[in-house]
Structure formats: C-alpha cells, structure tokens
Amino acid sequence: MHLSYCTNVHPAEDLDGVIRQLREAAGPVRRAAGLAVLGVGLWLPAPLAARLASEPEALARLRGTLDDEGLEVRTLNAFPYEAFHAEVVKLDVYRPDWTDPARLEYTVDAARVLAALLPDGADGSISTLPLGWRDGWDAAADRAATEALAALGAELRAIRAETGRTIRLAVEPEPGCTLDDVDDVVAWLAARRDRLDLDLVGVCLDTCHLAVSFADPAEAVERIAAAGIRVVKVQASAALHVERPADADARRAVGAYAEDRYLHQVREDAPGGVIRVDDLPEALAELPATAPWRVHFHVPLHLVPEPPLASTTDVLRTALAAVRAVQDVDQVHLDVETYTWSVLPGAPVDLVDGIAAELRWANAELLERAEQPA
C-alpha cells in the first residue's frame, strides 16, 4: 500500500497557500519522519482545482514544489468543496452534493490535475462524499447523482485514453449521509453496475466512519469484495470510543471534544439496534447512554486518549488486514486523514511533530508489521 497523509488538515484555499503548506509543513514532516519520499493526499479547493486544470504554468509550479520537497501525489481528497477551515463547517461539508453539476465539474478538474501529478506507472484515486446529506434526498436526487457519476466515468475513461493514467473515484460512506455505512454504499453501487463503471468507481473505506457504525470491519470488507466492488482507498483514521457513557468522568472527558467547526456524529450500540444522532452535544443531551458510544472525531493514530476514553485503532488494523486478504493492494492508497489537530482538546501540538509521529506509527504498525512473517 502507498502511504500518505491528507493535506485537508492545512487551511489553504489558493495556490500560494498550498505551496506554503507543502514547504512549511509537508516537507518538514517528511524530514522529521525520516522518509526519502512522502506521499501527500492533496486537498484542492474547487476554485484552485479549476485553475490548475486550466493553467499549465500554475500546475507546473505545484509540480515543481512537490519535487523540491520530496513529495508525491497518488490520491486527492475531493470531499470538501472549499472553506474546510471556516469557523463553522458542520453540514456545509456536504455541499454541493452529487445532484449539483458543480460537484461533477470539481471532480473532473481534480482528476485532470491528478493525472498530471501521478508518478509513472501509478494509478490515482479521488475520494468523494457519499452522494449528499440524507435530509431531502429523494428518487429525483438519486437519479441525478447516478447520471452525474455515470458522466464522471466517461470523463475518467477519456483521461485514461488521453494520458495513459487510470484515476478511480472512491465513494466514502459517512454517518448521517445518504450512504451512511458500508452496506449502503455496496448496495447503491451494486444496483447501478449497468450505469457505472465499477472498475473506475469503488469505495473509500474511512476506518473512523467504519468504527462509528459498529460494523464488523472484516465482514464489511468481505461484503465489498463479494459484490465485485473495489476498495480504492483506505483513510486511516480512528474514532473515539466511550465504553460507559453514563459515567460522570466519561461524560466530562468526551464533552471536551464537542466543538463548533465540524460535525461529530455519535452512535450508541444499544441492544435493540444502533441509535444515531448527528452531533456530540445532541448525544450528551438525548442518548440513553446505556451502551457504548463511538464518536466521529478523528483521533491522531498514535495518541491514546486518557481513560475512560479509547480510540478504535483496532478497527483500522482489522479492516486493513481484511483488505489485504481480498484484493491486490498495490494500487490501494492508504491516506492518514486526521484533520482535527486544530480542534483537539488540551494543549496545542506542534503540527509537524504530530503528523510525523503519526506517520511513523502508521508505517510501523500498518505497513511494516503486516509485511513481517507470521
């Protein structure tokens, strides 16, 4: 697997900002992590993706910076459209959805940029939102999204014919969305295999989202494979786990993670079925708290929360092992996606040191350990 870290952790909205983040963060992270080459899963806001797709000089400037800093790009995160570090993001991250032509245009621009940045012989991937947020989604919206993804498939085939580069779309299920979990995305894609090219459209398995759903990670991966669908990308991420959410200490500890920028969906693994709420304050006010919780808050992989909280790196390990068991992973992109450093409770962490430590952990625990003989 190719390891990278996602640059949506950095608040850059234009080319100068992206180049600055590469020189001041990604390059220093590579050196601090002791890597000859570092993969970066670029996040390009939509206006910048459009500029890079249409201005060869701007694209050459970006490519030169990547080369100077020892960085390579095999995957893009095209889930947030823009303004991912606004004071309040919440539901805005799901707009525009796949019914809006702007979403298709953005993704095509991203694909053209990625085709120009890929190393020789490498396939590329682009992760995207799971169609849209669930509220108001109806049959008309579903038809529009299907047509948009079919049109994207035609564009990806044209890019492959023009450039020789294969770019795949990775649809990322997320709690609360139209495609809430792995079962939803598998069913949706499988039902449309006559309209969508499933060689070019597959799944982005975000292991924080997977953990929040309380699905068995190995079984979830096996269902993807059984449907003839590809895991295109794995977003290495961990959720918060609260074993006894009724305890006062646990409620105080998890309450510290409630913040105003991002949505932190919570699920309770109740005996009668998983109970779902859309944000952490709502969970603290409304959930019965009689069974364990998982919280959609991307916890840095190498940081172990203080008890009574825990993280779900065990789900990440099991999911990766399952992916290795069902498909060739040479072109699966493993992207560390911890975008929450700026909203972590407690003292601020030096971002370069934190990302470098997280990448060292991922390399040792997810790649090197998997390659050791049993």
Protein backbone atom coordinates (compact mmCIF):
# COMPACT_ATOMS: atom_id res chain seq x y z
CA MET A 1 0.00 0.00 0.00
CA HIS A 2 1.10 3.55 -0.70
CA LEU A 3 1.10 5.66 2.49
CA SER A 4 0.30 9.37 2.50
CA TYR A 5 -1.20 11.99 4.77
CA CYS A 6 -4.15 14.14 3.80
CA THR A 7 -3.47 17.85 3.50
CA ASN A 8 -7.01 18.88 4.40
CA VAL A 9 -5.50 19.42 7.86
CA HIS A 10 -3.99 22.64 6.45
CA PRO A 11 -6.16 25.76 5.90
CA ALA A 12 -5.04 26.67 2.36
CA GLU A 13 -7.51 27.92 -0.23
CA ASP A 14 -5.27 29.11 -3.11
CA LEU A 15 -2.08 28.08 -4.89
CA ASP A 16 0.19 30.25 -2.77
CA GLY A 17 -1.33 28.74 0.36
CA VAL A 18 -0.94 25.17 -0.87
CA ILE A 19 2.68 25.77 -1.86
CA ARG A 20 3.32 27.33 1.54
CA GLN A 21 1.80 24.32 3.31
CA LEU A 22 3.98 21.96 1.27
CA ARG A 23 7.16 23.90 2.08
CA GLU A 24 6.39 24.70 5.72
CA ALA A 25 4.57 21.53 6.73
CA ALA A 26 4.73 18.57 4.33
CA GLY A 27 8.43 18.89 3.51
CA PRO A 28 9.41 19.25 7.19
CA VAL A 29 7.10 16.32 8.05
CA ARG A 30 8.92 14.14 5.51
CA ARG A 31 12.28 15.02 7.05
CA ALA A 32 11.04 14.60 10.62
CA ALA A 33 9.54 11.21 9.76
CA GLY A 34 12.83 10.08 8.20
CA LEU A 35 11.30 9.35 4.77
CA ALA A 36 13.07 9.68 1.44
CA VAL A 37 9.71 10.35 -0.25
CA LEU A 38 6.44 11.30 1.42
CA GLY A 39 3.02 10.79 -0.09
CA VAL A 40 0.57 13.64 0.29
CA GLY A 41 -3.14 13.19 -0.27
CA LEU A 42 -3.78 16.66 -1.60
CA TRP A 43 -6.92 18.57 -0.81
CA LEU A 44 -7.50 21.21 -3.50
CA PRO A 45 -10.46 23.53 -3.01
CA ALA A 46 -12.69 23.70 -6.09
CA PRO A 47 -11.53 27.11 -7.40
CA LEU A 48 -7.90 26.01 -7.17
CA ALA A 49 -8.59 22.67 -8.86
CA ALA A 50 -10.24 24.57 -11.73
CA ARG A 51 -7.23 26.88 -12.04
CA LEU A 52 -4.71 24.05 -12.02
CA ALA A 53 -6.73 22.09 -14.60
CA SER A 54 -6.72 25.06 -17.00
CA GLU A 55 -3.38 26.81 -16.35
CA PRO A 56 -0.30 24.72 -17.23
CA GLU A 57 2.02 27.28 -15.60
CA ALA A 58 0.22 27.03 -12.27
CA LEU A 59 0.26 23.24 -12.43
CA ALA A 60 3.99 23.26 -13.24
CA ARG A 61 4.62 25.46 -10.21
CA LEU A 62 2.80 22.99 -7.97
CA ARG A 63 4.62 20.04 -9.52
CA GLY A 64 7.97 21.77 -9.02
CA THR A 65 7.25 22.36 -5.35
CA LEU A 66 6.31 18.71 -4.83
CA ASP A 67 9.55 17.61 -6.47
CA ASP A 68 11.64 20.08 -4.47
CA GLU A 69 10.22 18.82 -1.18
CA GLY A 70 10.45 15.08 -1.95
CA LEU A 71 6.67 14.67 -2.10
CA GLU A 72 4.48 12.61 -4.40
CA VAL A 73 0.75 12.55 -5.04
CA ARG A 74 -1.31 9.47 -5.79
CA THR A 75 -4.61 10.44 -4.20
CA LEU A 76 -6.73 13.56 -3.80
CA ASN A 77 -9.41 14.31 -1.24
CA ALA A 78 -12.26 15.95 -3.17
CA PHE A 79 -14.85 15.57 -0.41
CA PRO A 80 -14.77 19.15 0.98
CA TYR A 81 -15.54 21.58 -1.86
CA GLU A 82 -13.95 24.63 -0.23
CA ALA A 83 -13.68 26.51 3.10
CA PHE A 84 -12.92 23.37 5.12
CA HIS A 85 -11.40 25.51 7.88
CA ALA A 86 -14.20 28.05 8.18
CA GLU A 87 -15.24 28.91 11.72
CA VAL A 88 -18.29 26.67 11.26
CA VAL A 89 -18.27 23.85 8.69
CA LYS A 90 -20.75 21.25 10.01
CA LEU A 91 -23.29 20.37 7.24
CA ASP A 92 -21.65 22.67 4.70
CA VAL A 93 -19.02 19.98 4.04
CA TYR A 94 -21.70 18.00 2.16
CA ARG A 95 -22.46 20.87 -0.25
CA PRO A 96 -22.61 20.86 -3.21
CA ASP A 97 -23.81 17.29 -3.36
CA TRP A 98 -23.82 14.94 -6.34
CA THR A 99 -27.09 16.41 -7.69
CA ASP A 100 -25.31 19.71 -8.35
CA PRO A 101 -23.30 20.00 -11.61
CA ALA A 102 -20.65 21.88 -9.64
CA ARG A 103 -19.72 18.65 -7.86
CA LEU A 104 -19.11 16.83 -11.15
CA GLU A 105 -17.14 19.77 -12.57
CA TYR A 106 -14.94 19.91 -9.46
CA THR A 107 -14.24 16.19 -9.54
CA VAL A 108 -13.33 16.23 -13.23
CA ASP A 109 -10.94 19.13 -12.60
CA ALA A 110 -9.39 17.17 -9.73
CA ALA A 111 -8.98 14.11 -11.94
CA ARG A 112 -7.19 16.10 -14.64
CA VAL A 113 -4.84 17.63 -12.08
CA LEU A 114 -4.11 14.25 -10.52
CA ALA A 115 -3.37 12.68 -13.90
CA ALA A 116 -0.67 15.31 -14.40
CA LEU A 117 0.86 14.78 -10.94
CA LEU A 118 0.95 10.97 -10.74
CA PRO A 119 4.30 9.17 -10.67
CA ASP A 120 4.99 6.99 -13.70
CA GLY A 121 3.16 3.67 -13.57
CA ALA A 122 0.90 4.62 -10.67
CA ASP A 123 -2.89 4.69 -10.60
CA GLY A 124 -4.67 7.56 -8.86
CA SER A 125 -7.69 7.88 -6.60
CA ILE A 126 -10.08 10.65 -5.63
CA SER A 127 -12.30 10.33 -2.57
CA THR A 128 -15.70 11.96 -2.59
CA LEU A 129 -18.77 12.40 -0.43
CA PRO A 130 -21.44 9.66 -0.22
CA LEU A 131 -23.82 11.47 -2.61
CA GLY A 132 -25.02 14.00 -0.04
CA TRP A 133 -26.59 14.54 3.35
CA ARG A 134 -29.67 12.38 3.92
CA ASP A 135 -32.27 15.12 4.54
CA GLY A 136 -34.32 15.83 1.44
CA TRP A 137 -32.73 13.05 -0.58
CA ASP A 138 -35.40 11.53 -2.82
CA ALA A 139 -35.75 9.48 -6.01
CA ALA A 140 -35.09 12.50 -8.21
CA ALA A 141 -31.90 13.28 -6.33
CA ASP A 142 -30.85 9.66 -6.66
CA ARG A 143 -31.37 9.69 -10.42
CA ALA A 144 -29.41 12.93 -10.77
CA ALA A 145 -26.50 11.54 -8.74
CA THR A 146 -26.47 8.34 -10.78
CA GLU A 147 -26.29 10.32 -14.02
CA ALA A 148 -23.51 12.52 -12.64
CA LEU A 149 -21.40 9.54 -11.61
CA ALA A 150 -22.00 7.90 -14.99
CA ALA A 151 -20.82 11.12 -16.67
CA LEU A 152 -17.75 11.14 -14.43
CA GLY A 153 -16.97 7.58 -15.54
CA ALA A 154 -16.95 8.76 -19.16
CA GLU A 155 -14.57 11.59 -18.21
CA LEU A 156 -12.24 9.20 -16.38
CA ARG A 157 -12.14 6.91 -19.40
CA ALA A 158 -11.31 9.90 -21.60
CA ILE A 159 -8.49 10.92 -19.25
CA ARG A 160 -7.10 7.38 -19.39
CA ALA A 161 -7.24 7.41 -23.19
CA GLU A 162 -5.53 10.81 -23.37
CA THR A 163 -2.86 10.35 -20.70
CA GLY A 164 -2.50 6.63 -20.04
CA ARG A 165 -3.29 7.35 -16.37
CA THR A 166 -6.06 5.50 -14.54
CA ILE A 167 -7.94 7.59 -12.00
CA ARG A 168 -10.59 5.95 -9.80
CA LEU A 169 -13.33 7.54 -7.74
CA ALA A 170 -13.65 6.33 -4.14
CA VAL A 171 -17.10 6.92 -2.62
CA GLU A 172 -16.74 7.44 1.12
CA PRO A 173 -19.70 6.35 3.31
CA GLU A 174 -20.17 8.63 6.30
CA PRO A 175 -22.62 8.57 9.23
CA GLY A 176 -25.72 10.64 8.58
CA CYS A 177 -25.32 10.79 4.81
CA THR A 178 -27.39 9.20 2.06
CA LEU A 179 -24.82 6.36 2.05
CA ASP A 180 -24.37 6.09 5.79
CA ASP A 181 -22.25 2.94 6.02
CA VAL A 182 -20.55 0.21 4.01
CA ASP A 183 -23.76 -1.74 3.47
CA ASP A 184 -25.38 1.37 1.96
CA VAL A 185 -22.56 2.11 -0.48
CA VAL A 186 -22.25 -1.53 -1.55
CA ALA A 187 -25.98 -1.81 -2.20
CA TRP A 188 -26.10 1.51 -4.08
CA LEU A 189 -23.14 0.78 -6.35
CA ALA A 190 -24.13 -2.84 -6.98
CA ALA A 191 -27.64 -1.81 -8.03
CA ARG A 192 -26.16 0.57 -10.62
CA ARG A 193 -23.48 -1.58 -12.16
CA ASP A 194 -25.27 -1.27 -15.52
CA ARG A 195 -24.78 2.54 -15.39
CA LEU A 196 -21.48 2.88 -13.53
CA ASP A 197 -18.07 1.53 -14.44
CA LEU A 198 -17.12 -0.35 -11.28
CA ASP A 199 -13.56 -0.63 -12.48
CA LEU A 200 -13.37 3.15 -12.03
CA VAL A 201 -15.82 3.71 -9.16
CA GLY A 202 -15.31 1.96 -5.84
CA VAL A 203 -15.18 2.55 -2.11
CA CYS A 204 -13.16 4.82 0.15
CA LEU A 205 -13.04 2.96 3.45
CA ASP A 206 -12.67 5.56 6.19
CA THR A 207 -11.95 3.47 9.28
CA CYS A 208 -13.21 6.14 11.69
CA HIS A 209 -16.58 6.10 9.93
CA LEU A 210 -16.49 2.31 9.84
CA ALA A 211 -15.88 2.16 13.58
CA VAL A 212 -18.67 4.64 14.34
CA SER A 213 -21.14 2.39 12.50
CA PHE A 214 -20.27 -0.51 14.87
CA ALA A 215 -19.95 -2.79 11.83
CA ASP A 216 -17.62 -5.78 11.98
CA PRO A 217 -14.67 -4.48 9.91
CA ALA A 218 -13.67 -7.81 8.38
CA GLU A 219 -17.25 -8.64 7.41
CA ALA A 220 -17.73 -5.17 5.92
CA VAL A 221 -14.68 -5.58 3.68
CA GLU A 222 -15.79 -9.06 2.67
CA ARG A 223 -19.20 -7.67 1.61
CA ILE A 224 -17.49 -5.11 -0.60
CA ALA A 225 -15.44 -7.83 -2.29
CA ALA A 226 -18.40 -10.23 -2.61
CA ALA A 227 -20.28 -7.54 -4.55
CA GLY A 228 -17.42 -7.26 -7.05
CA ILE A 229 -16.54 -3.76 -5.85
CA ARG A 230 -13.03 -2.45 -5.31
CA VAL A 231 -11.64 -0.79 -2.17
CA VAL A 232 -9.87 2.07 -3.93
CA LYS A 233 -8.66 3.98 -0.90
CA VAL A 234 -8.41 3.48 2.85
CA GLN A 235 -8.50 6.57 5.02
CA ALA A 236 -6.53 5.57 8.10
CA SER A 237 -8.43 7.16 10.93
CA ALA A 238 -9.68 6.35 14.42
CA ALA A 239 -12.86 7.27 16.27
CA LEU A 240 -13.42 7.96 19.96
CA HIS A 241 -14.83 5.02 21.92
CA VAL A 242 -16.75 5.57 25.17
CA GLU A 243 -17.40 2.28 26.92
CA ARG A 244 -19.61 3.63 29.75
CA PRO A 245 -21.09 6.92 28.57
CA ALA A 246 -23.35 7.27 31.64
CA ASP A 247 -20.33 7.65 33.95
CA ALA A 248 -19.72 11.24 35.02
CA ASP A 249 -15.99 11.07 34.25
CA ALA A 250 -16.68 9.69 30.78
CA ARG A 251 -19.22 12.41 30.04
CA ARG A 252 -16.79 15.14 31.10
CA ALA A 253 -14.00 13.60 29.06
CA VAL A 254 -15.98 13.14 25.85
CA GLY A 255 -17.69 16.52 26.30
CA ALA A 256 -14.30 18.19 25.86
CA TYR A 257 -14.37 17.05 22.21
CA ALA A 258 -17.56 18.99 21.41
CA GLU A 259 -16.60 21.98 19.26
CA ASP A 260 -18.17 24.34 16.76
CA ARG A 261 -16.34 23.66 13.48
CA TYR A 262 -17.01 20.05 12.50
CA LEU A 263 -19.90 17.63 12.86
CA HIS A 264 -19.22 14.78 15.30
CA GLN A 265 -21.86 12.13 14.70
CA VAL A 266 -22.39 9.69 17.60
CA ARG A 267 -23.71 6.14 17.61
CA GLU A 268 -24.81 4.08 20.63
CA ASP A 269 -24.57 0.30 20.30
CA ALA A 270 -27.88 -0.41 22.02
CA PRO A 271 -29.21 -3.98 22.37
CA GLY A 272 -32.21 -3.17 20.15
CA GLY A 273 -30.06 -1.64 17.42
CA VAL A 274 -27.64 1.22 16.91
CA ILE A 275 -29.08 4.60 17.94
CA ARG A 276 -27.96 7.54 15.79
CA VAL A 277 -27.57 11.25 16.48
CA ASP A 278 -25.86 13.88 14.38
CA ASP A 279 -23.53 15.69 16.82
CA LEU A 280 -21.89 15.30 20.18
CA PRO A 281 -23.91 17.90 22.13
CA GLU A 282 -27.08 16.15 20.94
CA ALA A 283 -25.67 12.81 22.12
CA LEU A 284 -24.91 14.16 25.58
CA ALA A 285 -28.42 15.60 25.85
CA GLU A 286 -30.51 12.84 24.27
CA LEU A 287 -28.91 9.40 24.09
CA PRO A 288 -29.83 6.88 26.81
CA ALA A 289 -26.13 6.17 27.48
CA THR A 290 -26.82 2.58 28.48
CA ALA A 291 -24.42 1.08 25.91
CA PRO A 292 -21.06 2.07 24.38
CA TRP A 293 -20.72 5.12 22.15
CA ARG A 294 -18.50 5.84 19.20
CA VAL A 295 -17.89 9.42 18.14
CA HIS A 296 -16.92 10.69 14.69
CA PHE A 297 -13.84 12.60 15.83
CA HIS A 298 -10.63 11.71 14.01
CA VAL A 299 -8.18 10.94 16.82
CA PRO A 300 -4.46 11.01 15.88
CA LEU A 301 -3.48 7.40 15.35
CA HIS A 302 -0.51 7.34 17.71
CA LEU A 303 -2.19 9.21 20.55
CA VAL A 304 -4.03 7.06 23.09
CA PRO A 305 -6.84 9.02 24.76
CA GLU A 306 -6.72 9.06 28.52
CA PRO A 307 -9.19 6.66 30.22
CA PRO A 308 -12.13 6.42 30.37
CA LEU A 309 -11.91 7.19 26.63
CA ALA A 310 -10.29 4.98 24.00
CA SER A 311 -9.72 5.05 20.25
CA THR A 312 -10.59 2.50 17.58
CA THR A 313 -7.22 1.71 16.02
CA ASP A 314 -8.16 -1.97 16.40
CA VAL A 315 -10.86 -1.41 13.75
CA LEU A 316 -8.25 0.16 11.46
CA ARG A 317 -5.88 -2.80 11.86
CA THR A 318 -8.62 -5.38 11.26
CA ALA A 319 -10.01 -3.56 8.22
CA LEU A 320 -6.58 -3.28 6.60
CA ALA A 321 -5.89 -6.96 7.18
CA ALA A 322 -9.23 -7.77 5.56
CA VAL A 323 -8.48 -5.60 2.53
CA ARG A 324 -5.16 -7.39 2.08
CA ALA A 325 -6.97 -10.73 2.21
CA VAL A 326 -9.48 -9.95 -0.56
CA GLN A 327 -7.65 -7.87 -3.16
CA ASP A 328 -4.28 -6.85 -4.54
CA VAL A 329 -3.26 -3.81 -2.54
CA ASP A 330 -0.51 -2.45 -4.80
CA GLN A 331 -2.85 0.30 -6.01
CA VAL A 332 -4.79 0.80 -2.76
CA HIS A 333 -3.98 4.19 -1.28
CA LEU A 334 -3.61 4.42 2.50
CA ASP A 335 -4.15 8.04 3.46
CA VAL A 336 -3.82 9.18 7.08
CA GLU A 337 -6.71 11.62 7.49
CA THR A 338 -6.52 13.38 10.82
CA TYR A 339 -7.88 16.85 10.07
CA THR A 340 -8.82 17.60 13.69
CA TRP A 341 -5.47 18.73 15.11
CA SER A 342 -6.69 22.34 15.39
CA VAL A 343 -9.74 21.35 17.46
CA LEU A 344 -8.19 18.72 19.74
CA PRO A 345 -8.87 19.48 23.41
CA GLY A 346 -5.90 20.28 25.59
CA ALA A 347 -2.61 21.97 24.86
CA PRO A 348 -1.82 22.60 21.18
CA VAL A 349 0.51 20.14 19.48
CA ASP A 350 3.24 21.17 17.04
CA LEU A 351 1.66 20.11 13.76
CA VAL A 352 4.84 18.97 12.02
CA ASP A 353 5.90 16.88 15.01
CA GLY A 354 2.41 15.46 15.41
CA ILE A 355 1.93 14.44 11.78
CA ALA A 356 5.46 12.99 11.60
CA ALA A 357 4.81 10.89 14.72
CA GLU A 358 1.51 9.71 13.30
CA LEU A 359 3.16 8.68 10.02
CA ARG A 360 5.94 6.83 11.85
CA TRP A 361 3.24 4.94 13.77
CA ALA A 362 1.31 4.15 10.59
CA ASN A 363 4.43 2.96 8.77
CA ALA A 364 5.48 0.71 11.66
CA GLU A 365 2.07 -0.57 12.74
CA LEU A 366 0.15 -0.77 9.47
CA LEU A 367 2.79 -1.47 6.83
CA GLU A 368 5.96 -2.93 8.33
CA ARG A 369 4.16 -5.17 10.80
CA ALA A 370 1.89 -6.51 8.04
CA GLU A 371 4.94 -7.48 6.00
CA GLN A 372 6.55 -9.49 8.80
CA PRO A 373 6.18 -13.28 8.54
CA ALA A 374 3.54 -14.79 10.81
